[in-house]
């Protein structure tokens, strides 16, 4: 997620986040708790972009705002499950997790700002 240049295309950014989460989860220890958290994390991270895409369909202002709120909510959930997964203090995984948490937080803030600007 630490690309040099920022990604301003939010559809592409949410896609990259979901892919990065999927790749991260493949490296995690498969404890009983992690298996459950990983499933939730993958769903939430993919749902961010899926709802953003739906928000951009011409279905009306109320639907757009609702979909943006769902994208924000899924960003929060992704961050939550990223904090829950156990990396067993493996240094590379911890760093990757912190980067993903940062990206989830940024996405959450972006969607929050977009929501405030919607009428």
N, C-alpha and C. Protein backbone atom coordinates (compact mmCIF):
# COMPACT_ATOMS: atom_id res chain seq x y z
N UNK A 1 0.81 -1.18 0.00
CA UNK A 1 0.00 0.00 0.00
C UNK A 1 0.86 1.26 0.00
N UNK A 2 2.13 1.15 0.19
CA UNK A 2 3.00 2.31 0.23
C UNK A 2 3.54 2.66 -1.14
N UNK A 3 2.64 2.84 -2.11
CA UNK A 3 3.09 3.28 -3.43
C UNK A 3 3.63 4.70 -3.31
N UNK A 4 4.56 5.06 -4.18
CA UNK A 4 5.19 6.38 -4.11
C UNK A 4 4.20 7.50 -4.44
N UNK A 5 3.43 7.35 -5.52
CA UNK A 5 2.51 8.42 -5.88
C UNK A 5 1.11 8.08 -5.37
N UNK A 6 0.38 9.12 -4.91
CA UNK A 6 -0.95 8.87 -4.37
C UNK A 6 -1.93 8.45 -5.47
N UNK A 7 -2.91 7.65 -5.08
CA UNK A 7 -3.93 7.19 -6.02
C UNK A 7 -5.18 8.04 -5.77
N UNK A 8 -5.57 8.82 -6.78
CA UNK A 8 -6.74 9.68 -6.65
C UNK A 8 -8.00 9.03 -7.18
N UNK A 9 -7.87 7.96 -7.95
CA UNK A 9 -9.02 7.21 -8.45
C UNK A 9 -9.48 6.31 -7.31
N UNK A 10 -10.58 6.68 -6.68
CA UNK A 10 -11.04 5.96 -5.49
C UNK A 10 -11.46 4.52 -5.80
N UNK A 11 -11.99 4.29 -6.99
CA UNK A 11 -12.34 2.92 -7.36
C UNK A 11 -11.08 2.05 -7.42
N UNK A 12 -10.03 2.57 -8.03
CA UNK A 12 -8.76 1.84 -8.11
C UNK A 12 -8.14 1.67 -6.72
N UNK A 13 -8.22 2.71 -5.91
CA UNK A 13 -7.63 2.66 -4.57
C UNK A 13 -8.33 1.62 -3.70
N UNK A 14 -9.65 1.56 -3.77
CA UNK A 14 -10.37 0.57 -2.97
C UNK A 14 -10.10 -0.85 -3.47
N UNK A 15 -9.94 -0.98 -4.78
CA UNK A 15 -9.58 -2.29 -5.35
C UNK A 15 -8.21 -2.73 -4.84
N UNK A 16 -7.25 -1.83 -4.90
CA UNK A 16 -5.90 -2.16 -4.43
C UNK A 16 -5.89 -2.52 -2.94
N UNK A 17 -6.71 -1.81 -2.17
CA UNK A 17 -6.80 -2.12 -0.74
C UNK A 17 -7.34 -3.53 -0.53
N UNK A 18 -8.41 -3.88 -1.23
CA UNK A 18 -9.00 -5.22 -1.08
C UNK A 18 -8.00 -6.31 -1.49
N UNK A 19 -7.26 -6.07 -2.55
CA UNK A 19 -6.25 -7.04 -2.99
C UNK A 19 -5.13 -7.15 -1.97
N UNK A 20 -4.69 -6.01 -1.44
CA UNK A 20 -3.62 -6.03 -0.43
C UNK A 20 -4.06 -6.76 0.82
N UNK A 21 -5.31 -6.57 1.22
CA UNK A 21 -5.84 -7.29 2.38
C UNK A 21 -5.86 -8.78 2.11
N UNK A 22 -6.32 -9.16 0.93
CA UNK A 22 -6.38 -10.59 0.58
C UNK A 22 -4.98 -11.21 0.63
N UNK A 23 -4.00 -10.53 0.08
CA UNK A 23 -2.63 -11.04 0.08
C UNK A 23 -2.07 -11.11 1.50
N UNK A 24 -2.38 -10.11 2.31
CA UNK A 24 -1.95 -10.09 3.71
C UNK A 24 -2.52 -11.28 4.47
N UNK A 25 -3.80 -11.56 4.28
CA UNK A 25 -4.44 -12.65 5.03
C UNK A 25 -3.86 -14.02 4.68
N UNK A 26 -3.33 -14.16 3.48
CA UNK A 26 -2.72 -15.44 3.09
C UNK A 26 -1.49 -15.76 3.94
N UNK A 27 -0.85 -14.73 4.50
CA UNK A 27 0.38 -14.90 5.26
C UNK A 27 0.14 -15.09 6.76
N UNK A 28 -1.09 -14.86 7.20
CA UNK A 28 -1.38 -14.92 8.62
C UNK A 28 -1.43 -16.35 9.15
N UNK A 29 -1.04 -16.54 10.41
CA UNK A 29 -1.18 -17.86 11.04
C UNK A 29 -2.66 -18.26 11.05
N UNK A 30 -2.94 -19.50 10.77
CA UNK A 30 -4.33 -19.96 10.66
C UNK A 30 -4.84 -20.50 12.01
N UNK A 31 -4.88 -19.60 13.01
CA UNK A 31 -5.46 -19.96 14.30
C UNK A 31 -6.98 -19.98 14.16
N UNK A 32 -7.68 -20.56 15.15
CA UNK A 32 -9.14 -20.59 15.10
C UNK A 32 -9.72 -19.19 15.01
N UNK A 33 -9.21 -18.27 15.82
CA UNK A 33 -9.73 -16.90 15.81
C UNK A 33 -9.40 -16.21 14.49
N UNK A 34 -8.18 -16.37 14.00
CA UNK A 34 -7.79 -15.70 12.76
C UNK A 34 -8.66 -16.13 11.59
N UNK A 35 -9.03 -17.39 11.54
CA UNK A 35 -9.85 -17.89 10.43
C UNK A 35 -11.16 -17.10 10.38
N UNK A 36 -11.77 -16.86 11.53
CA UNK A 36 -13.02 -16.11 11.59
C UNK A 36 -12.78 -14.65 11.23
N UNK A 37 -11.75 -14.05 11.81
CA UNK A 37 -11.45 -12.63 11.55
C UNK A 37 -11.08 -12.40 10.09
N UNK A 38 -10.34 -13.33 9.52
CA UNK A 38 -9.92 -13.20 8.12
C UNK A 38 -11.13 -13.16 7.20
N UNK A 39 -12.10 -14.03 7.45
CA UNK A 39 -13.31 -14.05 6.62
C UNK A 39 -14.03 -12.70 6.67
N UNK A 40 -14.16 -12.16 7.88
CA UNK A 40 -14.83 -10.88 8.04
C UNK A 40 -14.03 -9.75 7.40
N UNK A 41 -12.71 -9.81 7.55
CA UNK A 41 -11.83 -8.78 7.00
C UNK A 41 -11.89 -8.76 5.48
N UNK A 42 -11.86 -9.91 4.87
CA UNK A 42 -11.93 -9.98 3.40
C UNK A 42 -13.27 -9.45 2.90
N UNK A 43 -14.36 -9.83 3.57
CA UNK A 43 -15.68 -9.33 3.17
C UNK A 43 -15.76 -7.81 3.28
N UNK A 44 -15.32 -7.29 4.42
CA UNK A 44 -15.42 -5.85 4.66
C UNK A 44 -14.55 -5.07 3.68
N UNK A 45 -13.33 -5.52 3.47
CA UNK A 45 -12.42 -4.78 2.58
C UNK A 45 -12.91 -4.77 1.14
N UNK A 46 -13.51 -5.86 0.68
CA UNK A 46 -14.03 -5.90 -0.68
C UNK A 46 -15.32 -5.09 -0.82
N UNK A 47 -16.07 -5.02 0.26
CA UNK A 47 -17.34 -4.30 0.24
C UNK A 47 -17.14 -2.79 0.11
N UNK A 48 -15.99 -2.28 0.55
CA UNK A 48 -15.73 -0.84 0.43
C UNK A 48 -15.86 -0.41 -1.03
N UNK A 49 -15.11 -1.06 -1.89
CA UNK A 49 -15.11 -0.70 -3.31
C UNK A 49 -16.41 -1.05 -4.00
N UNK A 50 -17.00 -2.18 -3.63
CA UNK A 50 -18.25 -2.59 -4.26
C UNK A 50 -19.35 -1.55 -4.01
N UNK A 51 -19.43 -1.06 -2.79
CA UNK A 51 -20.44 -0.04 -2.47
C UNK A 51 -20.11 1.29 -3.10
N UNK A 52 -18.82 1.60 -3.22
CA UNK A 52 -18.43 2.84 -3.89
C UNK A 52 -18.86 2.81 -5.36
N UNK A 53 -18.65 1.68 -6.01
CA UNK A 53 -19.07 1.53 -7.42
C UNK A 53 -20.58 1.71 -7.53
N UNK A 54 -21.34 1.10 -6.62
CA UNK A 54 -22.79 1.24 -6.65
C UNK A 54 -23.21 2.68 -6.38
N UNK A 55 -22.46 3.39 -5.54
CA UNK A 55 -22.79 4.78 -5.23
C UNK A 55 -22.69 5.66 -6.48
N UNK A 56 -21.85 5.26 -7.40
CA UNK A 56 -21.65 6.06 -8.60
C UNK A 56 -22.63 5.74 -9.73
N UNK A 57 -23.53 4.82 -9.48
CA UNK A 57 -24.61 4.57 -10.44
C UNK A 57 -25.64 5.68 -10.28
N UNK A 58 -26.39 5.96 -11.30
CA UNK A 58 -27.39 7.03 -11.24
C UNK A 58 -28.69 6.53 -10.63
N UNK A 59 -28.65 6.28 -9.33
CA UNK A 59 -29.85 5.78 -8.65
C UNK A 59 -30.43 6.80 -7.69
N UNK A 60 -29.93 8.02 -7.71
CA UNK A 60 -30.47 9.07 -6.86
C UNK A 60 -29.52 9.46 -5.74
N UNK A 61 -29.72 10.65 -5.24
CA UNK A 61 -28.84 11.23 -4.22
C UNK A 61 -28.90 10.46 -2.90
N UNK A 62 -30.11 10.02 -2.51
CA UNK A 62 -30.24 9.30 -1.23
C UNK A 62 -29.48 7.97 -1.28
N UNK A 63 -29.60 7.27 -2.40
CA UNK A 63 -28.90 6.00 -2.54
C UNK A 63 -27.40 6.22 -2.55
N UNK A 64 -26.94 7.25 -3.24
CA UNK A 64 -25.51 7.56 -3.30
C UNK A 64 -24.96 7.80 -1.90
N UNK A 65 -25.67 8.60 -1.13
CA UNK A 65 -25.23 8.91 0.24
C UNK A 65 -25.21 7.64 1.10
N UNK A 66 -26.24 6.82 0.96
CA UNK A 66 -26.30 5.59 1.74
C UNK A 66 -25.12 4.67 1.39
N UNK A 67 -24.83 4.52 0.10
CA UNK A 67 -23.72 3.66 -0.33
C UNK A 67 -22.38 4.20 0.16
N UNK A 68 -22.22 5.51 0.16
CA UNK A 68 -20.99 6.11 0.68
C UNK A 68 -20.86 5.84 2.18
N UNK A 69 -21.99 5.90 2.88
CA UNK A 69 -21.97 5.60 4.31
C UNK A 69 -21.59 4.14 4.55
N UNK A 70 -22.08 3.27 3.69
CA UNK A 70 -21.73 1.85 3.83
C UNK A 70 -20.24 1.67 3.55
N UNK A 71 -19.70 2.36 2.56
CA UNK A 71 -18.26 2.27 2.28
C UNK A 71 -17.45 2.74 3.48
N UNK A 72 -17.90 3.81 4.11
CA UNK A 72 -17.22 4.30 5.32
C UNK A 72 -17.31 3.27 6.44
N UNK A 73 -18.48 2.69 6.61
CA UNK A 73 -18.69 1.67 7.65
C UNK A 73 -17.80 0.45 7.41
N UNK A 74 -17.71 0.03 6.17
CA UNK A 74 -16.87 -1.13 5.84
C UNK A 74 -15.39 -0.81 6.03
N UNK A 75 -15.00 0.43 5.82
CA UNK A 75 -13.62 0.85 6.09
C UNK A 75 -13.33 0.73 7.58
N UNK A 76 -14.30 1.17 8.40
CA UNK A 76 -14.15 1.05 9.85
C UNK A 76 -14.06 -0.41 10.28
N UNK A 77 -14.91 -1.25 9.68
CA UNK A 77 -14.89 -2.67 10.02
C UNK A 77 -13.57 -3.32 9.59
N UNK A 78 -13.08 -2.93 8.44
CA UNK A 78 -11.79 -3.47 7.99
C UNK A 78 -10.70 -3.12 8.99
N UNK A 79 -10.69 -1.87 9.42
CA UNK A 79 -9.70 -1.44 10.41
C UNK A 79 -9.84 -2.25 11.70
N UNK A 80 -11.08 -2.46 12.13
CA UNK A 80 -11.34 -3.22 13.34
C UNK A 80 -10.78 -4.64 13.24
N UNK A 81 -11.09 -5.33 12.14
CA UNK A 81 -10.62 -6.71 11.99
C UNK A 81 -9.12 -6.78 11.76
N UNK A 82 -8.54 -5.76 11.14
CA UNK A 82 -7.08 -5.71 11.02
C UNK A 82 -6.43 -5.62 12.40
N UNK A 83 -7.08 -4.93 13.30
CA UNK A 83 -6.54 -4.82 14.66
C UNK A 83 -6.71 -6.13 15.44
N UNK A 84 -7.70 -6.92 15.06
CA UNK A 84 -7.97 -8.17 15.78
C UNK A 84 -7.11 -9.35 15.35
N UNK A 85 -6.75 -9.41 14.07
CA UNK A 85 -5.99 -10.57 13.62
C UNK A 85 -4.66 -10.68 14.36
N UNK A 86 -4.26 -11.90 14.59
CA UNK A 86 -3.01 -12.17 15.32
C UNK A 86 -1.90 -12.45 14.31
N UNK A 87 -0.87 -11.59 14.34
CA UNK A 87 0.27 -11.78 13.45
C UNK A 87 1.39 -12.54 14.15
N UNK A 88 1.14 -12.91 15.42
CA UNK A 88 2.15 -13.57 16.25
C UNK A 88 3.45 -12.76 16.29
N UNK A 89 3.30 -11.43 16.25
CA UNK A 89 4.43 -10.49 16.33
C UNK A 89 5.51 -10.72 15.28
N UNK A 90 5.13 -11.24 14.14
CA UNK A 90 6.07 -11.41 13.03
C UNK A 90 6.29 -10.02 12.44
N UNK A 91 7.52 -9.56 12.47
CA UNK A 91 7.84 -8.17 12.16
C UNK A 91 7.29 -7.72 10.80
N UNK A 92 7.52 -8.45 9.76
CA UNK A 92 7.03 -8.06 8.44
C UNK A 92 5.52 -7.98 8.39
N UNK A 93 4.84 -8.90 9.07
CA UNK A 93 3.37 -8.89 9.08
C UNK A 93 2.84 -7.72 9.90
N UNK A 94 3.52 -7.41 11.00
CA UNK A 94 3.10 -6.28 11.82
C UNK A 94 3.18 -4.97 11.03
N UNK A 95 4.26 -4.81 10.31
CA UNK A 95 4.43 -3.59 9.50
C UNK A 95 3.35 -3.52 8.42
N UNK A 96 3.10 -4.64 7.77
CA UNK A 96 2.07 -4.69 6.73
C UNK A 96 0.70 -4.38 7.32
N UNK A 97 0.42 -4.94 8.49
CA UNK A 97 -0.86 -4.67 9.15
C UNK A 97 -1.01 -3.18 9.46
N UNK A 98 0.04 -2.56 9.97
CA UNK A 98 -0.03 -1.14 10.30
C UNK A 98 -0.28 -0.29 9.05
N UNK A 99 0.34 -0.66 7.93
CA UNK A 99 0.10 0.05 6.66
C UNK A 99 -1.35 -0.10 6.21
N UNK A 100 -1.90 -1.30 6.37
CA UNK A 100 -3.29 -1.54 5.98
C UNK A 100 -4.25 -0.80 6.91
N UNK A 101 -3.95 -0.75 8.19
CA UNK A 101 -4.77 0.01 9.14
C UNK A 101 -4.77 1.48 8.75
N UNK A 102 -3.59 1.99 8.38
CA UNK A 102 -3.49 3.39 7.94
C UNK A 102 -4.34 3.64 6.70
N UNK A 103 -4.29 2.73 5.75
CA UNK A 103 -5.08 2.89 4.53
C UNK A 103 -6.57 2.81 4.84
N UNK A 104 -6.98 1.90 5.70
CA UNK A 104 -8.39 1.80 6.07
C UNK A 104 -8.86 3.09 6.73
N UNK A 105 -8.01 3.67 7.57
CA UNK A 105 -8.33 4.93 8.23
C UNK A 105 -8.45 6.05 7.21
N UNK A 106 -7.54 6.11 6.26
CA UNK A 106 -7.61 7.13 5.23
C UNK A 106 -8.87 6.99 4.38
N UNK A 107 -9.21 5.77 4.01
CA UNK A 107 -10.43 5.54 3.25
C UNK A 107 -11.66 5.97 4.05
N UNK A 108 -11.67 5.63 5.33
CA UNK A 108 -12.77 6.02 6.20
C UNK A 108 -12.91 7.55 6.22
N UNK A 109 -11.79 8.25 6.33
CA UNK A 109 -11.82 9.71 6.36
C UNK A 109 -12.25 10.31 5.02
N UNK A 110 -11.80 9.70 3.93
CA UNK A 110 -12.20 10.18 2.60
C UNK A 110 -13.71 10.04 2.43
N UNK A 111 -14.25 8.87 2.76
CA UNK A 111 -15.68 8.68 2.61
C UNK A 111 -16.46 9.59 3.55
N UNK A 112 -15.93 9.84 4.73
CA UNK A 112 -16.58 10.78 5.66
C UNK A 112 -16.65 12.17 5.06
N UNK A 113 -15.57 12.60 4.44
CA UNK A 113 -15.54 13.93 3.80
C UNK A 113 -16.50 14.00 2.62
N UNK A 114 -16.57 12.94 1.84
CA UNK A 114 -17.49 12.91 0.69
C UNK A 114 -18.93 12.99 1.18
N UNK A 115 -19.24 12.26 2.24
CA UNK A 115 -20.60 12.25 2.78
C UNK A 115 -21.02 13.65 3.22
N UNK A 116 -20.10 14.37 3.85
CA UNK A 116 -20.42 15.72 4.32
C UNK A 116 -20.71 16.67 3.16
N UNK A 117 -20.12 16.41 2.01
CA UNK A 117 -20.33 17.27 0.84
C UNK A 117 -21.57 16.92 0.03
N UNK A 118 -22.12 15.73 0.28
CA UNK A 118 -23.33 15.34 -0.45
C UNK A 118 -24.54 16.05 0.13
N UNK A 119 -25.46 16.40 -0.74
CA UNK A 119 -26.64 17.14 -0.30
C UNK A 119 -27.69 16.19 0.23
